[in-house]
């Protein structure tokens, strides 16, 4: 069963998770640290550098895809650029764990969602990084250990989605939740009771997958607002962070610099960090929405009311991963395996990874309240629950796993979630309000600021490019 085109915007979401353990140092981090020490030796702890350029100076807050893209564009345009990053590594929500040497694990984003005309695919080609096609073309589904007819499921889903999309075009339903809209759509679709219940759970799962939030939290107006890139979906056998590592190579990146306060002064913008103060002509803020929702970074003057409103009404979703490694493959030769009928979640989605790495691994992806509930469990309980679900399909064929990895993205203080979503009270203009500059001195980028590609890596990249262009246009 291929996922219907109308549902692609839900499935084609980059997934995220927490960074690796803070004590882990890979070669890239060590290299960047050495660069920071060498560059910083000529600077005081309270200044960002004394060398001026004709274009002026810019501080970029955050070394994820948005920040590094903007920093490179600005540096090429002649600006003096310094990147301040709170973590001990670059990449932000792009994070590759290499503790299994034969199978790098992308704990953060995994896919390029549609490579045709996608700027992330162009970056991949520029750096010569290898990818593997990983579409969701072959999907199997189970309920109570029994296979479900995929053709019937697809027809039911199309009927449900079409009815929900029709409701979404009517203004009176704009702020109706996807959960309530699904119930109304199912009334119109006239499906049998068991099929309707399965579609209700499918819509709940798609919402958790696409937004990291529950169907009760997402408004119907989102139908038709996302743009899905065309072409194959691909993943990185060697790790997604190869892209951000390469982007950071020629930049002045200061790791372990936690920004606390940003203030506009008469002739500069001053940034206070736990490592001292920095000043520049302009500042670009690329921290995740989850951080902006707290008082971790304060602003002087306070952010405009429209921006504060957007920060409140947009939500920060949660999407976590559980990787299980076995000594052999027992699952279907499919791209995705759906499991219905579980007590603790509407649908479990399993993604086999053996064709990506050559290692018998499978990963479970969980979003919204399911992810939040699982975060309250320890690793043992998390794995036990997953093994129960797998054995509900394949029984005694399922051996004990050799190893596992669990992500808990909401516990990361520099993200506080996985990716943004439109809250039930949000409006289509909120992302533009979040992106709007303040006094042409403080600028904002990141996936949450992109109006059609939020929650994706290419959305983050495009937002960084947008703000670099905006700053450059000011001279």
Protein backbone atom coordinates (compact mmCIF):
# COMPACT_ATOMS: atom_id res chain seq x y z
CA UNK A 1 0.00 0.00 0.00
CA UNK A 2 1.43 3.34 -0.95
CA UNK A 3 0.52 6.28 1.24
CA UNK A 4 -2.03 8.43 -0.64
CA UNK A 5 -0.65 11.65 -2.08
CA UNK A 6 -3.02 13.69 0.07
CA UNK A 7 -1.43 12.17 3.17
CA UNK A 8 2.17 12.71 2.04
CA UNK A 9 2.48 15.98 3.95
CA UNK A 10 1.87 14.04 7.16
CA UNK A 11 4.28 11.20 6.47
CA UNK A 12 6.98 13.42 4.96
CA UNK A 13 8.16 14.91 8.22
CA UNK A 14 11.68 15.00 9.55
CA UNK A 15 11.84 13.28 12.91
CA UNK A 16 13.94 14.49 15.80
CA UNK A 17 15.23 13.46 19.06
CA UNK A 18 17.61 14.37 21.79
CA UNK A 19 21.31 14.93 21.20
CA UNK A 20 23.85 12.33 22.12
CA UNK A 21 25.21 12.23 25.64
CA UNK A 22 26.94 15.55 26.43
CA UNK A 23 30.20 13.79 27.30
CA UNK A 24 30.46 12.17 23.85
CA UNK A 25 33.02 13.92 21.64
CA UNK A 26 33.28 12.95 18.02
CA UNK A 27 36.10 14.11 15.79
CA UNK A 28 34.05 16.94 14.34
CA UNK A 29 33.27 18.42 17.74
CA UNK A 30 36.91 18.17 18.75
CA UNK A 31 37.92 19.90 15.53
CA UNK A 32 35.42 22.70 16.06
CA UNK A 33 36.53 23.11 19.66
CA UNK A 34 40.14 23.47 18.52
CA UNK A 35 39.07 26.08 15.97
CA UNK A 36 37.18 27.99 18.66
CA UNK A 37 40.20 28.00 20.95
CA UNK A 38 42.53 29.21 18.22
CA UNK A 39 40.17 31.94 17.08
CA UNK A 40 39.20 32.91 20.60
CA UNK A 41 42.81 33.32 21.73
CA UNK A 42 42.93 36.70 20.03
CA UNK A 43 39.62 37.86 21.49
CA UNK A 44 38.45 38.94 24.90
CA UNK A 45 35.82 36.92 26.70
CA UNK A 46 33.34 39.77 26.39
CA UNK A 47 33.59 40.65 22.70
CA UNK A 48 32.86 38.95 19.43
CA UNK A 49 35.94 40.31 17.69
CA UNK A 50 37.39 43.63 16.73
CA UNK A 51 37.94 43.18 13.01
CA UNK A 52 35.35 45.16 11.06
CA UNK A 53 34.16 44.61 7.52
CA UNK A 54 32.37 46.84 5.07
CA UNK A 55 29.20 44.80 5.53
CA UNK A 56 29.18 44.79 9.33
CA UNK A 57 28.81 41.97 11.83
CA UNK A 58 26.15 39.36 12.58
CA UNK A 59 25.78 37.00 15.52
CA UNK A 60 23.91 33.80 14.70
CA UNK A 61 22.31 32.04 17.67
CA UNK A 62 22.18 28.30 17.01
CA UNK A 63 24.32 25.98 14.85
CA UNK A 64 21.55 23.88 13.35
CA UNK A 65 20.61 23.77 9.69
CA UNK A 66 18.96 27.21 9.70
CA UNK A 67 21.79 28.96 11.54
CA UNK A 68 24.64 27.36 9.60
CA UNK A 69 22.95 28.00 6.25
CA UNK A 70 22.45 31.67 7.08
CA UNK A 71 25.97 32.01 8.50
CA UNK A 72 27.53 30.64 5.32
CA UNK A 73 25.43 32.88 3.09
CA UNK A 74 26.25 35.96 5.18
CA UNK A 75 29.97 35.15 5.32
CA UNK A 76 30.06 34.80 1.53
CA UNK A 77 28.34 38.18 1.28
CA UNK A 78 31.16 39.79 3.26
CA UNK A 79 29.76 39.93 6.78
CA UNK A 80 31.75 39.11 9.90
CA UNK A 81 29.79 36.17 11.32
CA UNK A 82 30.05 34.41 14.66
CA UNK A 83 27.83 31.46 15.53
CA UNK A 84 26.96 30.84 19.19
CA UNK A 85 25.84 27.28 19.97
CA UNK A 86 24.71 26.03 23.39
CA UNK A 87 25.56 22.38 22.75
CA UNK A 88 28.96 20.73 22.54
CA UNK A 89 28.33 19.93 18.87
CA UNK A 90 26.84 21.45 15.76
CA UNK A 91 23.69 20.21 14.05
CA UNK A 92 20.92 21.08 16.49
CA UNK A 93 18.10 18.63 15.87
CA UNK A 94 20.27 16.86 13.31
CA UNK A 95 22.09 14.41 15.55
CA UNK A 96 23.82 11.18 14.56
CA UNK A 97 24.85 8.65 17.21
CA UNK A 98 27.85 6.52 16.20
CA UNK A 99 28.17 4.34 19.28
CA UNK A 100 27.28 1.40 17.00
CA UNK A 101 30.17 1.77 14.52
CA UNK A 102 28.53 -0.36 11.82
CA UNK A 103 25.18 1.43 12.06
CA UNK A 104 25.10 5.20 12.63
CA UNK A 105 21.73 6.19 14.09
CA UNK A 106 20.04 9.46 13.24
CA UNK A 107 18.48 10.34 16.56
CA UNK A 108 17.15 13.53 15.04
CA UNK A 109 15.97 14.13 11.48
CA UNK A 110 16.21 11.11 9.18
CA UNK A 111 14.75 11.81 5.75
CA UNK A 112 15.10 14.23 2.91
CA UNK A 113 11.40 14.40 2.14
CA UNK A 114 11.24 14.54 -1.65
CA UNK A 115 14.54 15.17 -3.42
CA UNK A 116 13.24 16.90 -6.57
CA UNK A 117 14.20 20.55 -6.24
CA UNK A 118 14.85 20.11 -2.53
CA UNK A 119 17.69 22.36 -1.29
CA UNK A 120 18.81 19.70 1.19
CA UNK A 121 19.28 17.28 -1.71
CA UNK A 122 21.29 19.96 -3.49
CA UNK A 123 23.46 20.31 -0.38
CA UNK A 124 23.91 16.54 -0.27
CA UNK A 125 25.11 16.56 -3.87
CA UNK A 126 27.43 19.50 -3.26
CA UNK A 127 29.15 17.66 -0.40
CA UNK A 128 29.05 14.25 -2.09
CA UNK A 129 27.21 12.57 0.79
CA UNK A 130 25.63 9.17 0.07
CA UNK A 131 21.92 8.50 0.58
CA UNK A 132 19.61 5.51 0.16
CA UNK A 133 16.06 5.65 -1.17
CA UNK A 134 13.57 4.92 1.61
CA UNK A 135 10.05 5.56 0.37
CA UNK A 136 6.98 4.18 2.11
CA UNK A 137 5.92 2.28 -1.01
CA UNK A 138 5.44 -1.11 0.63
CA UNK A 139 3.34 -0.97 3.78
CA UNK A 140 1.92 -3.91 5.68
CA UNK A 141 -0.66 -3.61 8.46
CA UNK A 142 -1.84 -5.85 11.30
CA UNK A 143 -4.55 -5.93 13.92
CA UNK A 144 -4.58 -8.56 16.63
CA UNK A 145 -1.78 -10.36 14.83
CA UNK A 146 -3.79 -10.66 11.60
CA UNK A 147 -2.94 -8.97 8.31
CA UNK A 148 -5.29 -6.20 7.17
CA UNK A 149 -6.25 -5.69 3.53
CA UNK A 150 -4.16 -2.67 2.45
CA UNK A 151 -6.38 -1.81 -0.52
CA UNK A 152 -9.45 -1.52 1.68
CA UNK A 153 -7.52 0.58 4.17
CA UNK A 154 -6.36 2.95 1.46
CA UNK A 155 -9.88 3.41 0.10
CA UNK A 156 -11.23 4.08 3.60
CA UNK A 157 -8.46 6.57 4.32
CA UNK A 158 -9.06 8.42 1.07
CA UNK A 159 -12.77 8.70 1.87
CA UNK A 160 -12.02 9.99 5.37
CA UNK A 161 -9.37 12.47 4.23
CA UNK A 162 -11.56 13.79 1.42
CA UNK A 163 -14.46 14.42 3.78
CA UNK A 164 -12.18 16.10 6.34
CA UNK A 165 -10.57 18.28 3.66
CA UNK A 166 -14.02 19.39 2.49
CA UNK A 167 -14.88 20.45 6.03
CA UNK A 168 -11.60 22.34 6.30
CA UNK A 169 -12.61 24.64 3.44
CA UNK A 170 -15.56 25.95 5.46
CA UNK A 171 -14.66 28.89 7.76
CA UNK A 172 -16.91 27.69 10.57
CA UNK A 173 -14.75 24.56 10.90
CA UNK A 174 -11.34 26.29 10.68
CA UNK A 175 -10.59 25.89 14.39
CA UNK A 176 -12.34 22.58 14.80
CA UNK A 177 -9.79 20.01 15.89
CA UNK A 178 -8.66 17.22 13.59
CA UNK A 179 -10.16 14.80 16.14
CA UNK A 180 -13.61 16.41 15.97
CA UNK A 181 -13.28 16.90 12.23
CA UNK A 182 -12.47 13.22 11.79
CA UNK A 183 -15.64 12.25 13.63
CA UNK A 184 -17.66 14.53 11.35
CA UNK A 185 -15.87 13.16 8.30
CA UNK A 186 -16.55 9.57 9.32
CA UNK A 187 -20.24 10.40 9.70
CA UNK A 188 -20.18 11.53 6.07
CA UNK A 189 -18.06 8.62 4.84
CA UNK A 190 -20.57 5.99 6.08
CA UNK A 191 -17.92 3.37 6.84
CA UNK A 192 -18.67 0.18 8.78
CA UNK A 193 -18.04 0.53 12.52
CA UNK A 194 -14.78 -1.43 12.58
CA UNK A 195 -13.41 0.43 9.55
CA UNK A 196 -14.46 3.78 11.04
CA UNK A 197 -12.68 2.98 14.29
CA UNK A 198 -9.54 2.02 12.36
CA UNK A 199 -9.65 5.26 10.37
CA UNK A 200 -10.14 7.28 13.56
CA UNK A 201 -6.98 5.69 14.95
CA UNK A 202 -5.18 6.20 11.64
CA UNK A 203 -5.98 9.91 11.64
CA UNK A 204 -4.80 10.17 15.23
CA UNK A 205 -1.57 8.45 14.30
CA UNK A 206 -1.02 10.59 11.21
CA UNK A 207 -1.45 13.71 13.32
CA UNK A 208 0.98 12.47 15.95
CA UNK A 209 3.44 11.54 13.22
CA UNK A 210 3.15 14.74 11.22
CA UNK A 211 2.99 17.24 14.06
CA UNK A 212 4.23 15.51 17.20
CA UNK A 213 0.87 16.45 18.71
CA UNK A 214 -2.55 14.89 19.22
CA UNK A 215 -5.54 15.27 16.92
CA UNK A 216 -7.29 17.35 19.60
CA UNK A 217 -4.48 19.94 19.38
CA UNK A 218 -4.42 20.54 15.61
CA UNK A 219 -6.96 22.72 13.71
CA UNK A 220 -8.63 21.56 10.52
CA UNK A 221 -7.40 24.58 8.56
CA UNK A 222 -4.00 22.90 8.20
CA UNK A 223 -5.40 20.67 5.45
CA UNK A 224 -3.89 21.80 2.17
CA UNK A 225 -1.41 24.27 3.70
CA UNK A 226 1.71 22.08 3.60
CA UNK A 227 3.76 21.69 0.44
CA UNK A 228 5.13 18.18 -0.12
CA UNK A 229 8.30 18.00 -2.21
CA UNK A 230 8.23 15.61 -5.17
CA UNK A 231 10.60 12.73 -5.77
CA UNK A 232 12.06 9.94 -3.70
CA UNK A 233 12.51 10.14 0.03
CA UNK A 234 16.07 9.31 1.04
CA UNK A 235 18.03 8.69 4.24
CA UNK A 236 21.71 8.87 5.17
CA UNK A 237 23.48 5.55 5.94
CA UNK A 238 26.46 7.53 7.25
CA UNK A 239 24.39 10.03 9.23
CA UNK A 240 22.46 13.21 8.44
CA UNK A 241 24.87 15.30 10.50
CA UNK A 242 27.44 15.02 7.72
CA UNK A 243 25.70 18.00 6.14
CA UNK A 244 25.84 20.33 9.13
CA UNK A 245 29.39 19.23 9.94
CA UNK A 246 30.48 20.31 6.47
CA UNK A 247 28.52 23.56 6.71
CA UNK A 248 30.31 24.45 9.95
CA UNK A 249 33.84 23.78 8.69
CA UNK A 250 34.77 27.31 7.60
CA UNK A 251 32.75 29.20 10.20
CA UNK A 252 33.62 30.71 13.57
CA UNK A 253 31.42 28.48 15.74
CA UNK A 254 31.55 28.91 19.52
CA UNK A 255 30.31 25.74 21.19
CA UNK A 256 28.96 25.61 24.77
CA UNK A 257 27.79 29.22 24.64
CA UNK A 258 24.32 29.37 26.19
CA UNK A 259 22.54 32.60 25.29
CA UNK A 260 20.60 34.22 28.15
CA UNK A 261 19.67 37.73 27.02
CA UNK A 262 19.51 39.76 23.79
CA UNK A 263 19.26 43.56 23.96
CA UNK A 264 19.10 46.24 21.28
CA UNK A 265 21.39 49.17 22.02
CA UNK A 266 21.79 52.42 20.15
CA UNK A 267 24.44 51.19 17.73
CA UNK A 268 24.54 47.42 18.28
CA UNK A 269 22.78 44.34 19.57
CA UNK A 270 24.28 42.83 22.71
CA UNK A 271 24.05 39.12 23.50
CA UNK A 272 24.71 37.82 27.00
CA UNK A 273 25.87 34.21 27.32
CA UNK A 274 27.18 32.05 30.13
CA UNK A 275 30.64 32.57 28.59
CA UNK A 276 30.53 36.36 28.37
CA UNK A 277 29.01 39.12 26.26
CA UNK A 278 29.04 39.57 22.49
CA UNK A 279 28.02 42.52 20.33
CA UNK A 280 27.19 42.83 16.65
CA UNK A 281 25.29 45.02 14.24
CA UNK A 282 22.57 42.39 13.90
CA UNK A 283 21.56 39.10 15.51
CA UNK A 284 19.85 36.12 13.91
CA UNK A 285 18.00 33.86 16.38
CA UNK A 286 17.50 30.27 15.19
CA UNK A 287 16.72 28.49 18.47
CA UNK A 288 13.78 26.04 18.44
CA UNK A 289 10.27 27.22 19.24
CA UNK A 290 10.37 25.16 22.43
CA UNK A 291 13.13 27.41 23.77
CA UNK A 292 11.32 30.60 22.73
CA UNK A 293 8.29 29.40 24.70
CA UNK A 294 10.30 29.61 27.92
CA UNK A 295 12.14 32.52 29.51
CA UNK A 296 15.49 30.87 28.79
CA UNK A 297 16.28 33.81 26.48
CA UNK A 298 14.94 37.24 27.38
CA UNK A 299 14.73 40.23 25.05
CA UNK A 300 15.10 43.97 25.60
CA UNK A 301 12.88 45.53 24.47
CA UNK A 302 10.33 42.71 24.86
CA UNK A 303 9.30 41.00 21.64
CA UNK A 304 6.36 42.60 19.80
CA UNK A 305 2.88 41.46 20.81
CA UNK A 306 2.22 39.72 17.48
CA UNK A 307 5.40 37.65 17.83
CA UNK A 308 4.61 36.75 21.43
CA UNK A 309 1.13 35.68 20.34
CA UNK A 310 2.58 33.46 17.61
CA UNK A 311 4.98 31.87 20.09
CA UNK A 312 2.03 31.10 22.38
CA UNK A 313 -0.35 29.69 19.77
CA UNK A 314 2.14 27.62 17.80
CA UNK A 315 2.97 24.39 19.59
CA UNK A 316 6.16 22.40 20.06
CA UNK A 317 5.54 18.76 19.24
CA UNK A 318 7.31 15.65 20.46
CA UNK A 319 8.48 12.74 18.32
CA UNK A 320 10.74 10.02 19.68
CA UNK A 321 12.47 6.90 18.43
CA UNK A 322 13.20 3.45 19.78
CA UNK A 323 15.87 1.54 17.86
CA UNK A 324 16.00 -2.23 18.40
CA UNK A 325 18.89 -4.31 17.10
CA UNK A 326 18.59 -8.09 16.62
CA UNK A 327 20.80 -10.92 15.42
CA UNK A 328 18.51 -11.61 12.45
CA UNK A 329 15.50 -10.16 10.64
CA UNK A 330 12.07 -11.60 11.47
CA UNK A 331 9.83 -8.80 10.16
CA UNK A 332 8.19 -8.26 6.77
CA UNK A 333 10.28 -7.05 3.86
CA UNK A 334 8.38 -3.76 3.87
CA UNK A 335 9.15 -0.06 4.16
CA UNK A 336 6.72 0.44 7.01
CA UNK A 337 4.68 -1.87 9.24
CA UNK A 338 1.54 -0.58 10.96
CA UNK A 339 0.08 -2.26 14.02
CA UNK A 340 -3.47 -1.62 15.22
CA UNK A 341 -5.27 -2.83 18.32
CA UNK A 342 -2.66 -1.89 20.92
CA UNK A 343 -3.97 -0.73 24.28
CA UNK A 344 -1.56 2.17 24.73
CA UNK A 345 -1.58 3.90 21.33
CA UNK A 346 -3.79 4.28 18.24
CA UNK A 347 -1.29 2.78 15.79
CA UNK A 348 2.30 1.63 16.14
CA UNK A 349 4.55 2.38 13.16
CA UNK A 350 7.66 0.26 12.64
CA UNK A 351 10.35 1.11 10.08
CA UNK A 352 12.78 -1.69 9.14
CA UNK A 353 16.33 -0.38 8.69
CA UNK A 354 18.14 -3.47 7.42
CA UNK A 355 18.18 -2.19 3.84
CA UNK A 356 19.73 1.10 4.96
CA UNK A 357 22.61 -0.17 7.08
CA UNK A 358 22.76 -3.90 6.36
CA UNK A 359 22.20 -4.49 10.08
CA UNK A 360 19.00 -6.19 11.34
CA UNK A 361 17.43 -3.18 13.05
CA UNK A 362 13.92 -1.84 13.32
CA UNK A 363 12.85 1.53 14.70
CA UNK A 364 9.56 2.58 16.26
CA UNK A 365 8.51 6.21 15.80
CA UNK A 366 6.11 7.70 18.35
CA UNK A 367 4.59 11.18 18.52
CA UNK A 368 2.34 13.34 20.66
CA UNK A 369 0.92 12.00 23.92
CA UNK A 370 2.20 8.51 23.10
CA UNK A 371 5.75 9.85 23.00
CA UNK A 372 5.19 11.82 26.21
CA UNK A 373 3.87 8.75 28.01
CA UNK A 374 6.80 6.62 26.86
CA UNK A 375 9.23 9.30 28.07
CA UNK A 376 8.01 8.62 31.60
CA UNK A 377 9.21 5.01 31.31
CA UNK A 378 12.76 3.83 31.81
CA UNK A 379 14.58 2.00 29.03
CA UNK A 380 13.68 -1.45 30.35
CA UNK A 381 9.96 -0.69 30.44
CA UNK A 382 10.11 0.98 27.02
CA UNK A 383 11.78 -2.03 25.41
CA UNK A 384 9.46 -4.47 27.18
CA UNK A 385 6.40 -2.65 25.85
CA UNK A 386 7.84 -2.65 22.34
CA UNK A 387 8.66 -6.35 22.48
CA UNK A 388 5.10 -7.12 23.55
CA UNK A 389 3.83 -5.24 20.50
CA UNK A 390 6.22 -7.03 18.13
CA UNK A 391 5.30 -10.44 19.53
CA UNK A 392 1.63 -9.64 19.06
CA UNK A 393 2.42 -9.84 15.33
CA UNK A 394 5.20 -12.42 15.01
CA UNK A 395 4.94 -14.39 18.24
CA UNK A 396 7.85 -16.57 19.29
CA UNK A 397 9.79 -15.67 16.15
CA UNK A 398 10.81 -12.45 17.91
CA UNK A 399 14.07 -12.91 19.84
CA UNK A 400 15.37 -10.65 22.56
CA UNK A 401 17.12 -7.58 21.15
CA UNK A 402 20.90 -7.39 21.22
CA UNK A 403 20.86 -3.65 21.91
CA UNK A 404 18.59 -0.62 21.89
CA UNK A 405 18.62 3.17 21.74
CA UNK A 406 15.87 5.42 23.09
CA UNK A 407 15.40 9.14 22.47
CA UNK A 408 13.73 11.58 24.86
CA UNK A 409 13.61 14.84 22.98
CA UNK A 410 11.52 16.86 25.43
CA UNK A 411 14.25 16.56 28.05
CA UNK A 412 16.76 18.39 25.84
CA UNK A 413 16.99 21.91 27.33
CA UNK A 414 18.11 23.37 23.99
CA UNK A 415 15.06 22.12 22.07
CA UNK A 416 12.32 21.11 24.55
CA UNK A 417 10.57 19.14 21.84
CA UNK A 418 11.00 17.88 18.31
CA UNK A 419 9.33 20.22 15.82
CA UNK A 420 6.61 22.84 15.70
CA UNK A 421 2.91 22.47 14.96
CA UNK A 422 -0.03 24.85 14.47
CA UNK A 423 -1.97 24.94 17.75
CA UNK A 424 -5.74 24.80 17.85
CA UNK A 425 -5.94 28.61 18.27
CA UNK A 426 -3.24 29.43 15.74
CA UNK A 427 -3.89 31.16 12.43
CA UNK A 428 -2.08 30.81 9.08
CA UNK A 429 -0.14 34.05 9.61
CA UNK A 430 1.48 32.99 12.87
CA UNK A 431 4.63 31.62 11.26
CA UNK A 432 5.16 34.86 9.35
CA UNK A 433 4.73 36.77 12.61
CA UNK A 434 7.32 34.53 14.24
CA UNK A 435 9.70 35.19 11.35
CA UNK A 436 9.27 38.97 11.33
CA UNK A 437 12.43 40.93 12.26
CA UNK A 438 12.51 43.30 15.21
CA UNK A 439 13.64 46.83 14.30
CA UNK A 440 15.77 45.36 11.47
CA UNK A 441 18.24 44.37 14.19
CA UNK A 442 17.02 41.00 15.50
CA UNK A 443 16.00 38.34 12.97
CA UNK A 444 14.42 34.91 13.33
CA UNK A 445 14.85 31.64 11.42
CA UNK A 446 14.22 27.94 11.99
CA UNK A 447 11.68 25.39 10.82
CA UNK A 448 8.93 26.98 12.94
CA UNK A 449 9.23 30.21 10.92
CA UNK A 450 8.61 28.62 7.51
CA UNK A 451 5.00 28.83 6.38
CA UNK A 452 4.85 25.82 4.03
CA UNK A 453 7.71 23.53 5.12
CA UNK A 454 7.64 23.73 8.91
CA UNK A 455 8.87 20.65 10.79
CA UNK A 456 11.30 19.72 8.00
CA UNK A 457 15.02 20.12 7.47
CA UNK A 458 14.50 21.86 4.15
CA UNK A 459 12.13 24.27 5.89
CA UNK A 460 14.91 25.13 8.33
CA UNK A 461 17.43 25.54 5.50
CA UNK A 462 15.10 27.78 3.50
CA UNK A 463 14.38 29.93 6.54
CA UNK A 464 18.10 30.50 7.10
CA UNK A 465 18.54 31.42 3.45
CA UNK A 466 15.54 33.78 3.68
CA UNK A 467 16.96 35.69 6.65
CA UNK A 468 20.44 35.92 5.14
CA UNK A 469 18.84 37.49 2.07
CA UNK A 470 16.82 39.85 4.25
CA UNK A 471 19.90 40.98 6.19
CA UNK A 472 21.99 41.37 3.04
CA UNK A 473 19.30 43.54 1.46
CA UNK A 474 19.70 46.01 4.34
CA UNK A 475 23.36 46.52 3.48
